[in-house]
Amino acid sequence: MTGSAVCLLSRVGSRTCAVPVELVFETMRPLPIEPLAGMPSFVLGLSVVRGTPVPVIDAARMLGAPDPTPPGRFISMRIGARVAVLAVGAVLGVRTIPLDSLEKLPPLMGEASADVVEAVGTLDSGLLLVLSSGRMVPPGVWAALQAEHPS
């Protein structure tokens, strides 16, 4: 397959994650979060983004981090007509990744437990689809991307 994809790269714990930029609405500093009772641990609660309450998903907890740190950035993502926020440690920038390379990267949700994948799918199948399009970026690939486009 030829071509490339433009991805937003973020840091989640010690991992680097790539999300297709067409799914990203905006990035922002973390906003106040109102916890919700009865939600899985990776759902931090609701934040009001541009006047609308949206769910906040902690990427580190979703990927099974044993002791996740508070989020450093929010990535607001489009899920059809709705928006959800992915809480990450840092936003690293936007990079163009060849499709051949992108397809070889492990899926973001591949790091999540089966229980987490099932819980996300139960809560919102659209969110599961969006998160499934994300990829993990191994350190060697991240080093190559940085060498091509230093910040």
Protein backbone atom coordinates (compact mmCIF):
# COMPACT_ATOMS: atom_id res chain seq x y z
CA MET A 1 0.00 0.00 0.00
CA THR A 2 1.34 3.45 -0.86
CA GLY A 3 0.61 6.81 0.66
CA SER A 4 0.87 8.16 4.15
CA ALA A 5 -1.25 9.15 7.13
CA VAL A 6 -0.93 12.25 9.25
CA CYS A 7 -1.03 11.28 12.93
CA LEU A 8 -1.04 13.09 16.25
CA LEU A 9 1.55 11.51 18.52
CA SER A 10 1.14 11.50 22.28
CA ARG A 11 2.93 10.13 25.31
CA VAL A 12 1.02 7.71 27.52
CA GLY A 13 3.28 6.61 30.36
CA SER A 14 6.39 5.23 28.68
CA ARG A 15 4.52 4.59 25.42
CA THR A 16 4.11 6.71 22.32
CA CYS A 17 0.69 6.52 20.64
CA ALA A 18 -0.44 7.67 17.19
CA VAL A 19 -4.01 8.72 16.38
CA PRO A 20 -5.03 9.70 12.82
CA VAL A 21 -5.27 13.49 12.82
CA GLU A 22 -8.63 13.46 11.03
CA LEU A 23 -10.15 12.03 14.23
CA VAL A 24 -8.69 14.80 16.39
CA PHE A 25 -10.88 17.81 17.10
CA GLU A 26 -8.34 19.68 19.24
CA THR A 27 -5.75 19.32 21.98
CA MET A 28 -5.92 21.28 25.22
CA ARG A 29 -4.77 21.55 28.79
CA PRO A 30 -6.70 19.27 31.12
CA LEU A 31 -10.03 20.69 32.24
CA PRO A 32 -11.87 19.99 35.50
CA ILE A 33 -13.38 16.49 35.55
CA GLU A 34 -16.63 15.57 37.28
CA PRO A 35 -16.41 11.88 38.31
CA LEU A 36 -19.24 9.52 37.35
CA ALA A 37 -20.36 6.67 39.60
CA GLY A 38 -20.43 3.15 38.23
CA MET A 39 -17.97 3.71 35.38
CA PRO A 40 -14.90 1.59 34.61
CA SER A 41 -11.67 2.93 36.15
CA PHE A 42 -10.42 4.27 32.81
CA VAL A 43 -13.42 6.62 32.51
CA LEU A 44 -12.36 9.58 34.63
CA GLY A 45 -15.73 11.31 34.29
CA LEU A 46 -17.10 14.27 32.35
CA SER A 47 -15.45 17.55 31.37
CA VAL A 48 -17.19 20.50 29.79
CA VAL A 49 -15.49 21.16 26.45
CA ARG A 50 -16.76 24.17 24.53
CA GLY A 51 -19.98 24.14 26.56
CA THR A 52 -20.72 20.43 26.11
CA PRO A 53 -20.12 17.67 28.70
CA VAL A 54 -17.91 14.96 27.18
CA PRO A 55 -16.52 11.71 28.60
CA VAL A 56 -12.83 11.67 29.56
CA ILE A 57 -10.95 8.42 28.94
CA ASP A 58 -7.63 7.97 30.75
CA ALA A 59 -5.35 6.40 28.14
CA ALA A 60 -2.84 5.18 30.74
CA ARG A 61 -5.49 3.34 32.77
CA MET A 62 -7.05 2.00 29.58
CA LEU A 63 -3.68 0.52 28.62
CA GLY A 64 -3.23 -1.02 32.05
CA ALA A 65 -0.68 1.32 33.64
CA PRO A 66 -0.26 0.15 37.23
CA ASP A 67 0.05 3.66 38.72
CA PRO A 68 -1.10 6.24 36.16
CA THR A 69 -0.14 9.88 36.65
CA PRO A 70 -2.56 12.79 36.22
CA PRO A 71 -3.06 13.72 32.55
CA GLY A 72 -0.93 16.48 31.09
CA ARG A 73 -3.06 17.06 27.98
CA PHE A 74 -6.50 16.27 26.60
CA ILE A 75 -7.04 15.11 23.03
CA SER A 76 -10.59 15.85 21.95
CA MET A 77 -11.65 13.29 19.32
CA ARG A 78 -14.59 13.10 16.95
CA ILE A 79 -16.84 10.07 17.30
CA GLY A 80 -19.42 10.59 14.63
CA ALA A 81 -21.40 13.66 15.70
CA ARG A 82 -20.09 13.41 19.28
CA VAL A 83 -16.81 14.19 21.00
CA ALA A 84 -14.82 12.29 23.63
CA VAL A 85 -11.57 13.23 25.32
CA LEU A 86 -8.51 11.01 25.58
CA ALA A 87 -6.38 12.06 28.56
CA VAL A 88 -2.65 11.59 27.86
CA GLY A 89 0.64 12.57 29.46
CA ALA A 90 1.81 14.84 26.66
CA VAL A 91 1.16 15.72 23.03
CA LEU A 92 4.36 15.23 21.03
CA GLY A 93 3.32 16.66 17.69
CA VAL A 94 2.00 15.75 14.28
CA ARG A 95 3.93 13.44 11.98
CA THR A 96 3.34 11.92 8.56
CA ILE A 97 3.78 8.17 8.69
CA PRO A 98 3.91 5.98 5.55
CA LEU A 99 0.85 3.71 5.44
CA ASP A 100 3.05 0.62 5.06
CA SER A 101 4.81 1.50 8.32
CA LEU A 102 1.61 2.50 10.10
CA GLU A 103 -0.10 -0.80 9.29
CA LYS A 104 2.83 -2.69 10.84
CA LEU A 105 2.55 -0.84 14.16
CA PRO A 106 0.66 -2.60 16.97
CA PRO A 107 -2.88 -1.35 17.53
CA LEU A 108 -3.44 0.97 20.48
CA MET A 109 -6.18 -1.26 21.87
CA GLY A 110 -3.86 -4.26 21.52
CA GLU A 111 -2.26 -3.12 24.79
CA ALA A 112 -5.63 -3.05 26.58
CA SER A 113 -7.00 -6.06 28.43
CA ALA A 114 -9.95 -7.96 26.98
CA ASP A 115 -12.09 -6.62 29.86
CA VAL A 116 -11.22 -3.04 28.93
CA VAL A 117 -11.95 -3.60 25.23
CA GLU A 118 -15.29 -5.16 26.16
CA ALA A 119 -16.12 -2.29 28.55
CA VAL A 120 -15.28 0.35 25.91
CA GLY A 121 -17.40 -1.48 23.34
CA THR A 122 -20.29 -1.73 25.79
CA LEU A 123 -20.10 1.96 26.67
CA ASP A 124 -19.72 3.22 23.11
CA SER A 125 -19.02 1.16 20.00
CA GLY A 126 -18.06 4.34 18.10
CA LEU A 127 -15.40 5.11 20.70
CA LEU A 128 -14.04 1.58 20.39
CA LEU A 129 -13.79 2.04 16.62
CA VAL A 130 -11.95 5.38 16.99
CA LEU A 131 -9.55 3.99 19.60
CA SER A 132 -8.95 0.90 17.47
CA SER A 133 -7.62 3.13 14.69
CA GLY A 134 -4.82 4.33 16.99
CA ARG A 135 -1.39 2.69 16.98
CA MET A 136 1.44 2.16 19.43
CA VAL A 137 4.73 3.63 18.21
CA PRO A 138 7.75 1.57 19.37
CA PRO A 139 10.83 3.52 20.54
CA GLY A 140 12.82 2.73 17.37
CA VAL A 141 10.06 4.06 15.11
CA TRP A 142 9.67 7.15 17.33
CA ALA A 143 13.44 7.81 17.10
CA ALA A 144 13.26 7.56 13.29
CA LEU A 145 10.31 9.98 13.16
CA GLN A 146 12.16 12.45 15.38
CA ALA A 147 15.25 12.22 13.19
CA GLU A 148 13.18 12.99 10.08
CA HIS A 149 11.34 15.92 11.66
CA PRO A 150 13.14 17.30 14.74
CA SER A 151 10.94 19.48 16.95
